[in-house]
PDB file of N, CA and C in Angstrom:
ATOM      1  N   MET A   1       0.846  -1.199  -0.162  1.00  0.00           N
ATOM      2  CA  MET A   1       0.156   0.142  -0.208  1.00  0.00           C
ATOM      3  C   MET A   1       0.952   1.715  -0.329  1.00  0.00           C
ATOM      4  N   ARG A   2       0.601   1.918  -0.718  1.00  0.00           N
ATOM      5  CA  ARG A   2       1.675   2.950  -0.798  1.00  0.00           C
ATOM      6  C   ARG A   2       0.282   4.410  -0.930  1.00  0.00           C
ATOM      7  N   CYS A   3       1.222   5.625   0.532  1.00  0.00           N
ATOM      8  CA  CYS A   3      -0.098   6.725   0.008  1.00  0.00           C
ATOM      9  C   CYS A   3       0.658   7.780  -0.461  1.00  0.00           C
ATOM     10  N   GLN A   4       0.018   8.733  -1.028  1.00  0.00           N
ATOM     11  CA  GLN A   4       0.073   9.855  -1.340  1.00  0.00           C
ATOM     12  C   GLN A   4       1.601  10.612  -1.086  1.00  0.00           C
ATOM     13  N   ASP A   5       2.488  10.711   0.166  1.00  0.00           N
ATOM     14  CA  ASP A   5       3.144  11.542   0.633  1.00  0.00           C
ATOM     15  C   ASP A   5       4.131  10.667   0.513  1.00  0.00           C
ATOM     16  N   GLY A   6       4.233   9.426   0.037  1.00  0.00           N
ATOM     17  CA  GLY A   6       5.649   8.799  -0.555  1.00  0.00           C
ATOM     18  C   GLY A   6       6.082   8.015   0.515  1.00  0.00           C
ATOM     19  N   ARG A   7       5.214   7.373   1.765  1.00  0.00           N
ATOM     20  CA  ARG A   7       5.043   6.272   2.794  1.00  0.00           C
ATOM     21  C   ARG A   7       4.569   4.768   2.314  1.00  0.00           C
ATOM     22  N   ASN A   8       4.800   3.999   3.047  1.00  0.00           N
ATOM     23  CA  ASN A   8       4.869   2.254   1.948  1.00  0.00           C
ATOM     24  C   ASN A   8       4.828   1.411   2.946  1.00  0.00           C
ATOM     25  N   TYR A   9       3.546   0.392   2.667  1.00  0.00           N
ATOM     26  CA  TYR A   9       3.237  -0.811   3.823  1.00  0.00           C
ATOM     27  C   TYR A   9       3.488  -2.079   2.724  1.00  0.00           C
ATOM     28  N   THR A  10       4.336  -3.004   3.094  1.00  0.00           N
ATOM     29  CA  THR A  10       3.844  -4.018   2.733  1.00  0.00           C
ATOM     30  C   THR A  10       3.680  -4.960   3.879  1.00  0.00           C
ATOM     31  N   GLY A  11       2.884  -5.896   3.359  1.00  0.00           N
ATOM     32  CA  GLY A  11       2.747  -6.316   4.846  1.00  0.00           C
ATOM     33  C   GLY A  11       1.324  -7.425   5.009  1.00  0.00           C
ATOM     34  N   SER A  12       1.097  -7.684   5.874  1.00  0.00           N
ATOM     35  CA  SER A  12      -0.583  -8.578   6.063  1.00  0.00           C
ATOM     36  C   SER A  12      -1.895  -7.763   6.834  1.00  0.00           C
ATOM     37  N   PHE A  13      -2.680  -7.572   6.368  1.00  0.00           N
ATOM     38  CA  PHE A  13      -3.559  -6.725   6.881  1.00  0.00           C
ATOM     39  C   PHE A  13      -5.156  -7.672   7.602  1.00  0.00           C
ATOM     40  N   LYS A  14      -5.721  -6.755   8.421  1.00  0.00           N
ATOM     41  CA  LYS A  14      -6.290  -7.598   9.348  1.00  0.00           C
ATOM     42  C   LYS A  14      -7.300  -6.774   9.477  1.00  0.00           C
ATOM     43  N   ASN A  15      -8.596  -6.879   9.092  1.00  0.00           N
ATOM     44  CA  ASN A  15      -9.970  -6.014   9.318  1.00  0.00           C
ATOM     45  C   ASN A  15      -9.521  -4.911   8.702  1.00  0.00           C
ATOM     46  N   GLY A  16      -8.374  -4.188   7.818  1.00  0.00           N
ATOM     47  CA  GLY A  16      -8.187  -3.013   7.433  1.00  0.00           C
ATOM     48  C   GLY A  16      -7.583  -2.231   7.931  1.00  0.00           C
ATOM     49  N   LYS A  17      -6.746  -3.325   8.502  1.00  0.00           N
ATOM     50  CA  LYS A  17      -5.017  -2.334   9.519  1.00  0.00           C
ATOM     51  C   LYS A  17      -4.529  -3.315   9.282  1.00  0.00           C
ATOM     52  N   PHE A  18      -2.958  -3.380   9.274  1.00  0.00           N
ATOM     53  CA  PHE A  18      -1.901  -3.606   9.158  1.00  0.00           C
ATOM     54  C   PHE A  18      -1.913  -4.521  10.687  1.00  0.00           C
ATOM     55  N   ASP A  19      -1.636  -6.195  10.257  1.00  0.00           N
ATOM     56  CA  ASP A  19      -1.466  -7.131  11.457  1.00  0.00           C
ATOM     57  C   ASP A  19      -0.770  -7.684  10.788  1.00  0.00           C
ATOM     58  N   GLY A  20       0.172  -8.453  11.743  1.00  0.00           N
ATOM     59  CA  GLY A  20       1.697  -9.618  11.053  1.00  0.00           C
ATOM     60  C   GLY A  20       2.642  -8.631  10.223  1.00  0.00           C
ATOM     61  N   GLN A  21       3.785  -9.680   9.591  1.00  0.00           N
ATOM     62  CA  GLN A  21       4.565  -9.173   9.535  1.00  0.00           C
ATOM     63  C   GLN A  21       4.422  -8.144   8.213  1.00  0.00           C
ATOM     64  N   GLY A  22       4.763  -7.164   8.262  1.00  0.00           N
ATOM     65  CA  GLY A  22       5.281  -6.065   7.425  1.00  0.00           C
ATOM     66  C   GLY A  22       6.466  -5.231   7.167  1.00  0.00           C
ATOM     67  N   VAL A  23       6.714  -4.127   6.345  1.00  0.00           N
ATOM     68  CA  VAL A  23       7.287  -3.070   6.204  1.00  0.00           C
ATOM     69  C   VAL A  23       6.635  -2.298   5.927  1.00  0.00           C
ATOM     70  N   TYR A  24       7.221  -1.212   6.773  1.00  0.00           N
ATOM     71  CA  TYR A  24       6.671   0.514   6.285  1.00  0.00           C
ATOM     72  C   TYR A  24       7.969   1.712   6.589  1.00  0.00           C
ATOM     73  N   THR A  25       7.600   1.611   5.362  1.00  0.00           N
ATOM     74  CA  THR A  25       9.148   2.652   4.599  1.00  0.00           C
ATOM     75  C   THR A  25       8.307   3.888   5.202  1.00  0.00           C
ATOM     76  N   VAL A  26       8.963   4.746   5.799  1.00  0.00           N
ATOM     77  CA  VAL A  26       8.814   6.622   5.402  1.00  0.00           C
ATOM     78  C   VAL A  26       9.369   7.082   4.840  1.00  0.00           C
ATOM     79  N   ALA A  27       9.156   7.840   3.595  1.00  0.00           N
ATOM     80  CA  ALA A  27       9.883   9.006   3.030  1.00  0.00           C
ATOM     81  C   ALA A  27      10.781   9.622   3.694  1.00  0.00           C
ATOM     82  N   ALA A  28      11.864  10.129   2.327  1.00  0.00           N
ATOM     83  CA  ALA A  28      12.519  11.038   3.480  1.00  0.00           C
ATOM     84  C   ALA A  28      12.147  12.716   3.255  1.00  0.00           C
ATOM     85  N   ASN A  29      11.649  12.477   2.653  1.00  0.00           N
ATOM     86  CA  ASN A  29      10.630  14.436   3.544  1.00  0.00           C
ATOM     87  C   ASN A  29       9.246  14.681   4.258  1.00  0.00           C
ATOM     88  N   ARG A  30       9.070  12.791   4.428  1.00  0.00           N
ATOM     89  CA  ARG A  30       7.934  13.201   5.038  1.00  0.00           C
ATOM     90  C   ARG A  30       8.884  12.317   6.988  1.00  0.00           C
ATOM     91  N   GLU A  31       8.398  13.408   8.194  1.00  0.00           N
ATOM     92  CA  GLU A  31       8.474  12.067   9.511  1.00  0.00           C
ATOM     93  C   GLU A  31       7.375  11.615  10.422  1.00  0.00           C
ATOM     94  N   ILE A  32       7.667  11.115  10.922  1.00  0.00           N
ATOM     95  CA  ILE A  32       6.344  10.770  11.698  1.00  0.00           C
ATOM     96  C   ILE A  32       7.201   9.278  13.081  1.00  0.00           C
ATOM     97  N   PHE A  33       6.030  10.274  13.931  1.00  0.00           N
ATOM     98  CA  PHE A  33       6.148  10.019  15.201  1.00  0.00           C
ATOM     99  C   PHE A  33       6.198   8.458  16.162  1.00  0.00           C
ATOM    100  N   ILE A  34       6.726   7.795  16.941  1.00  0.00           N
ATOM    101  CA  ILE A  34       6.445   5.804  16.785  1.00  0.00           C
ATOM    102  C   ILE A  34       5.290   7.060  18.304  1.00  0.00           C
ATOM    103  N   GLU A  35       5.484   7.705  19.327  1.00  0.00           N
ATOM    104  CA  GLU A  35       5.490   7.955  20.273  1.00  0.00           C
ATOM    105  C   GLU A  35       4.890   9.677  20.461  1.00  0.00           C
ATOM    106  N   PRO A  36       3.491   9.288  19.866  1.00  0.00           N
ATOM    107  CA  PRO A  36       2.709  10.593  19.926  1.00  0.00           C
ATOM    108  C   PRO A  36       2.531  11.727  20.424  1.00  0.00           C
ATOM    109  N   PHE A  37       2.683  11.089  21.364  1.00  0.00           N
ATOM    110  CA  PHE A  37       2.181  12.168  22.808  1.00  0.00           C
ATOM    111  C   PHE A  37       3.336  12.402  24.212  1.00  0.00           C
ATOM    112  N   ASN A  38       4.774  12.082  23.063  1.00  0.00           N
ATOM    113  CA  ASN A  38       5.728  12.560  23.824  1.00  0.00           C
ATOM    114  C   ASN A  38       6.318  12.977  23.174  1.00  0.00           C
ATOM    115  N   SER A  39       6.812  14.712  23.503  1.00  0.00           N
ATOM    116  CA  SER A  39       7.331  16.189  23.093  1.00  0.00           C
ATOM    117  C   SER A  39       8.751  15.577  22.608  1.00  0.00           C
ATOM    118  N   ASP A  40       9.258  14.435  22.712  1.00  0.00           N
ATOM    119  CA  ASP A  40      10.810  14.161  22.907  1.00  0.00           C
ATOM    120  C   ASP A  40      10.406  12.763  21.776  1.00  0.00           C
ATOM    121  N   SER A  41      10.058  12.204  21.204  1.00  0.00           N
ATOM    122  CA  SER A  41       9.146  11.827  20.700  1.00  0.00           C
ATOM    123  C   SER A  41      10.708  10.757  19.479  1.00  0.00           C
ATOM    124  N   THR A  42      10.705   9.768  19.046  1.00  0.00           N
ATOM    125  CA  THR A  42      11.494   9.461  17.957  1.00  0.00           C
ATOM    126  C   THR A  42      11.285   9.769  16.708  1.00  0.00           C
ATOM    127  N   LYS A  43      11.576   9.981  15.732  1.00  0.00           N
ATOM    128  CA  LYS A  43      11.584  11.025  14.140  1.00  0.00           C
ATOM    129  C   LYS A  43      12.438   9.780  13.603  1.00  0.00           C
ATOM    130  N   PHE A  44      11.583   9.315  12.433  1.00  0.00           N
ATOM    131  CA  PHE A  44      12.047   8.190  11.263  1.00  0.00           C
ATOM    132  C   PHE A  44      11.645   8.637  10.331  1.00  0.00           C
ATOM    133  N   ARG A  45      12.891   9.375   9.546  1.00  0.00           N
ATOM    134  CA  ARG A  45      13.035  10.008   7.952  1.00  0.00           C
ATOM    135  C   ARG A  45      13.523   9.124   7.342  1.00  0.00           C
ATOM    136  N   ASN A  46      13.534   9.365   6.075  1.00  0.00           N
ATOM    137  CA  ASN A  46      13.669   7.906   5.307  1.00  0.00           C
ATOM    138  C   ASN A  46      14.114   6.563   5.773  1.00  0.00           C
ATOM    139  N   MET A  47      13.460   5.749   6.651  1.00  0.00           N
ATOM    140  CA  MET A  47      14.185   4.719   7.485  1.00  0.00           C
ATOM    141  C   MET A  47      12.863   3.936   6.994  1.00  0.00           C
ATOM    142  N   VAL A  48      13.400   2.325   7.045  1.00  0.00           N
ATOM    143  CA  VAL A  48      13.196   1.464   6.347  1.00  0.00           C
ATOM    144  C   VAL A  48      12.486   0.832   8.400  1.00  0.00           C
ATOM    145  N   LEU A  49      10.970   0.220   8.866  1.00  0.00           N
ATOM    146  CA  LEU A  49      10.834  -0.317  10.166  1.00  0.00           C
ATOM    147  C   LEU A  49      10.075  -2.180   9.493  1.00  0.00           C
ATOM    148  N   SER A  50      11.073  -3.054   9.883  1.00  0.00           N
ATOM    149  CA  SER A  50      10.314  -4.050   9.396  1.00  0.00           C
ATOM    150  C   SER A  50       9.859  -4.994  10.496  1.00  0.00           C
ATOM    151  N   GLY A  51       9.414  -5.114  10.649  1.00  0.00           N
ATOM    152  CA  GLY A  51       8.265  -5.345  11.916  1.00  0.00           C
ATOM    153  C   GLY A  51       7.229  -6.539  12.083  1.00  0.00           C
ATOM    154  N   THR A  52       6.804  -6.884  13.272  1.00  0.00           N
ATOM    155  CA  THR A  52       5.168  -7.228  13.347  1.00  0.00           C
ATOM    156  C   THR A  52       4.312  -6.354  13.853  1.00  0.00           C
ATOM    157  N   PHE A  53       3.176  -6.358  13.581  1.00  0.00           N
ATOM    158  CA  PHE A  53       1.400  -5.427  13.542  1.00  0.00           C
ATOM    159  C   PHE A  53       0.589  -6.168  14.146  1.00  0.00           C
ATOM    160  N   LYS A  54       0.430  -5.095  14.651  1.00  0.00           N
ATOM    161  CA  LYS A  54      -1.442  -5.923  15.655  1.00  0.00           C
ATOM    162  C   LYS A  54      -2.341  -4.935  15.222  1.00  0.00           C
ATOM    163  N   LYS A  55      -3.012  -5.142  15.029  1.00  0.00           N
ATOM    164  CA  LYS A  55      -4.227  -4.929  15.168  1.00  0.00           C
ATOM    165  C   LYS A  55      -3.995  -2.562  15.197  1.00  0.00           C
ATOM    166  N   GLY A  56      -3.170  -3.259  13.938  1.00  0.00           N
ATOM    167  CA  GLY A  56      -2.530  -1.659  13.558  1.00  0.00           C
ATOM    168  C   GLY A  56      -1.767  -0.839  13.868  1.00  0.00           C
ATOM    169  N   LEU A  57      -1.266  -1.818  15.564  1.00  0.00           N
ATOM    170  CA  LEU A  57      -0.143  -1.157  15.504  1.00  0.00           C
ATOM    171  C   LEU A  57       1.170  -1.509  15.990  1.00  0.00           C
ATOM    172  N   ALA A  58       2.386  -1.584  15.846  1.00  0.00           N
ATOM    173  CA  ALA A  58       3.275  -1.614  16.409  1.00  0.00           C
ATOM    174  C   ALA A  58       3.734  -2.959  17.053  1.00  0.00           C
ATOM    175  N   HIS A  59       3.961  -3.823  17.488  1.00  0.00           N
ATOM    176  CA  HIS A  59       3.872  -4.527  18.015  1.00  0.00           C
ATOM    177  C   HIS A  59       5.184  -6.119  18.255  1.00  0.00           C
ATOM    178  N   GLY A  60       5.766  -5.748  18.601  1.00  0.00           N
ATOM    179  CA  GLY A  60       7.199  -7.126  18.829  1.00  0.00           C
ATOM    180  C   GLY A  60       8.295  -6.361  18.159  1.00  0.00           C
ATOM    181  N   ARG A  61       9.268  -7.275  17.588  1.00  0.00           N
ATOM    182  CA  ARG A  61      11.120  -7.159  17.733  1.00  0.00           C
ATOM    183  C   ARG A  61      10.581  -6.314  16.061  1.00  0.00           C
ATOM    184  N   PHE A  62      10.941  -4.797  15.979  1.00  0.00           N
ATOM    185  CA  PHE A  62      11.729  -3.731  14.400  1.00  0.00           C
ATOM    186  C   PHE A  62      12.775  -3.612  14.133  1.00  0.00           C
ATOM    187  N   THR A  63      13.275  -4.150  13.336  1.00  0.00           N
ATOM    188  CA  THR A  63      15.190  -3.991  12.683  1.00  0.00           C
ATOM    189  C   THR A  63      14.274  -2.597  12.001  1.00  0.00           C
ATOM    190  N   VAL A  64      15.049  -1.097  12.142  1.00  0.00           N
ATOM    191  CA  VAL A  64      14.763  -0.392  11.274  1.00  0.00           C
ATOM    192  C   VAL A  64      16.336  -0.330  11.017  1.00  0.00           C
ATOM    193  N   SER A  65      15.491   0.478   9.629  1.00  0.00           N
ATOM    194  CA  SER A  65      17.367   0.411   8.568  1.00  0.00           C
ATOM    195  C   SER A  65      17.061   1.622   7.599  1.00  0.00           C
ATOM    196  N   GLN A  66      18.248   2.361   7.698  1.00  0.00           N
ATOM    197  CA  GLN A  66      18.347   2.984   6.512  1.00  0.00           C
ATOM    198  C   GLN A  66      19.529   2.739   5.150  1.00  0.00           C
ATOM    199  N   ASN A  67      18.805   2.456   4.017  1.00  0.00           N
ATOM    200  CA  ASN A  67      20.150   2.690   2.854  1.00  0.00           C
ATOM    201  C   ASN A  67      20.848   1.329   2.746  1.00  0.00           C
ATOM    202  N   GLY A  68      19.953   0.320   3.515  1.00  0.00           N
ATOM    203  CA  GLY A  68      20.655  -0.982   3.561  1.00  0.00           C
ATOM    204  C   GLY A  68      21.370  -1.802   5.182  1.00  0.00           C
ATOM    205  N   GLU A  69      21.492  -0.694   5.800  1.00  0.00           N
ATOM    206  CA  GLU A  69      21.931  -1.032   6.961  1.00  0.00           C
ATOM    207  C   GLU A  69      21.297  -0.971   8.144  1.00  0.00           C
ATOM    208  N   THR A  70      21.578  -1.279   8.726  1.00  0.00           N
ATOM    209  CA  THR A  70      19.881  -2.053  10.429  1.00  0.00           C
ATOM    210  C   THR A  70      20.946  -0.161  11.339  1.00  0.00           C
ATOM    211  N   LEU A  71      20.224   0.043  11.638  1.00  0.00           N
ATOM    212  CA  LEU A  71      20.639   1.462  12.266  1.00  0.00           C
ATOM    213  C   LEU A  71      20.349   0.604  14.119  1.00  0.00           C
ATOM    214  N   PHE A  72      18.878  -0.070  14.119  1.00  0.00           N
ATOM    215  CA  PHE A  72      18.647  -0.254  15.737  1.00  0.00           C
ATOM    216  C   PHE A  72      17.394  -1.219  15.595  1.00  0.00           C
ATOM    217  N   ILE A  73      17.760  -1.950  17.009  1.00  0.00           N
ATOM    218  CA  ILE A  73      16.649  -2.793  16.936  1.00  0.00           C
ATOM    219  C   ILE A  73      15.319  -2.296  17.958  1.00  0.00           C
ATOM    220  N   MET A  74      14.857  -2.378  17.523  1.00  0.00           N
ATOM    221  CA  MET A  74      13.556  -2.015  18.791  1.00  0.00           C
ATOM    222  C   MET A  74      12.257  -3.050  19.171  1.00  0.00           C
ATOM    223  N   LYS A  75      12.207  -3.565  20.168  1.00  0.00           N
ATOM    224  CA  LYS A  75      10.779  -3.884  20.973  1.00  0.00           C
ATOM    225  C   LYS A  75       9.983  -2.237  21.054  1.00  0.00           C
ATOM    226  N   CYS A  76       8.534  -3.335  20.788  1.00  0.00           N
ATOM    227  CA  CYS A  76       7.313  -2.054  20.892  1.00  0.00           C
ATOM    228  C   CYS A  76       5.986  -3.664  21.193  1.00  0.00           C
ATOM    229  N   GLU A  77       5.665  -2.661  22.338  1.00  0.00           N
ATOM    230  CA  GLU A  77       4.150  -3.445  22.762  1.00  0.00           C
ATOM    231  C   GLU A  77       2.691  -2.126  22.625  1.00  0.00           C
ATOM    232  N   ASN A  78       1.950  -2.699  22.151  1.00  0.00           N
ATOM    233  CA  ASN A  78       0.901  -1.642  21.249  1.00  0.00           C
ATOM    234  C   ASN A  78       1.679  -0.533  21.054  1.00  0.00           C
ATOM    235  N   GLY A  79       1.831  -0.682  19.768  1.00  0.00           N
ATOM    236  CA  GLY A  79       2.741   1.201  19.460  1.00  0.00           C
ATOM    237  C   GLY A  79       3.482   1.307  20.252  1.00  0.00           C
ATOM    238  N   MET A  80       4.119   1.258  20.829  1.00  0.00           N
ATOM    239  CA  MET A  80       4.676   1.797  22.467  1.00  0.00           C
ATOM    240  C   MET A  80       6.583   1.902  21.879  1.00  0.00           C
ATOM    241  N   ILE A  81       7.531   1.479  22.234  1.00  0.00           N
ATOM    242  CA  ILE A  81       8.299   1.469  22.401  1.00  0.00           C
ATOM    243  C   ILE A  81       8.846   0.940  23.919  1.00  0.00           C
ATOM    244  N   LYS A  82       9.600  -0.088  23.932  1.00  0.00           N
ATOM    245  CA  LYS A  82       9.649  -0.592  24.675  1.00  0.00           C
ATOM    246  C   LYS A  82      11.178  -0.564  25.535  1.00  0.00           C
ATOM    247  N   GLU A  83      12.144  -0.522  24.315  1.00  0.00           N
ATOM    248  CA  GLU A  83      13.494  -1.321  24.470  1.00  0.00           C
ATOM    249  C   GLU A  83      13.971  -0.696  23.009  1.00  0.00           C
ATOM    250  N   VAL A  84      15.497  -0.674  23.122  1.00  0.00           N
ATOM    251  CA  VAL A  84      16.082  -0.302  21.872  1.00  0.00           C
ATOM    252  C   VAL A  84      17.098  -0.909  21.727  1.00  0.00           C
ATOM    253  N   LYS A  85      18.156  -1.261  21.277  1.00  0.00           N
ATOM    254  CA  LYS A  85      18.974  -1.938  21.026  1.00  0.00           C
ATOM    255  C   LYS A  85      19.856  -1.413  19.562  1.00  0.00           C
ATOM    256  N   LEU A  86      21.105  -1.668  19.510  1.00  0.00           N
ATOM    257  CA  LEU A  86      22.223  -1.250  18.927  1.00  0.00           C
ATOM    258  C   LEU A  86      22.602  -2.770  18.223  1.00  0.00           C
ATOM    259  N   PRO A  87      22.700  -2.480  16.863  1.00  0.00           N
ATOM    260  CA  PRO A  87      23.028  -3.519  16.347  1.00  0.00           C
ATOM    261  C   PRO A  87      24.190  -4.797  16.842  1.00  0.00           C
ATOM    262  N   LYS A  88      23.972  -5.828  16.796  1.00  0.00           N
ATOM    263  CA  LYS A  88      25.832  -6.260  17.082  1.00  0.00           C
ATOM    264  C   LYS A  88      26.877  -6.172  16.039  1.00  0.00           C
ATOM    265  N   ASN A  89      28.089  -5.931  16.146  1.00  0.00           N
ATOM    266  CA  ASN A  89      29.169  -5.818  14.823  1.00  0.00           C
ATOM    267  C   ASN A  89      28.851  -7.186  14.096  1.00  0.00           C
ATOM    268  N   LYS A  90      29.820  -6.530  13.000  1.00  0.00           N
ATOM    269  CA  LYS A  90      29.187  -7.754  12.316  1.00  0.00           C
ATOM    270  C   LYS A  90      30.520  -8.183  12.161  1.00  0.00           C
TER     271      LYS A  90
END
């Protein structure tokens, strides 16, 4: 599914919402807030989030990458970031 503003989602849907494995891409000219109720929320721009969604929300382990390189790995519960880790050295 591609939005007019350049965001893209490839993955499973259930009842019209992201559900199951999916890849969410944020365009370079766009910012999203994963935690919208916090003024210090993490911003994602030109990044790819690969992981699991549940009822439209990020839920489980996500790999966040940019230009094919893993930047960090995060764990989410019901759309809220619970843990962020840097990738292990290759």
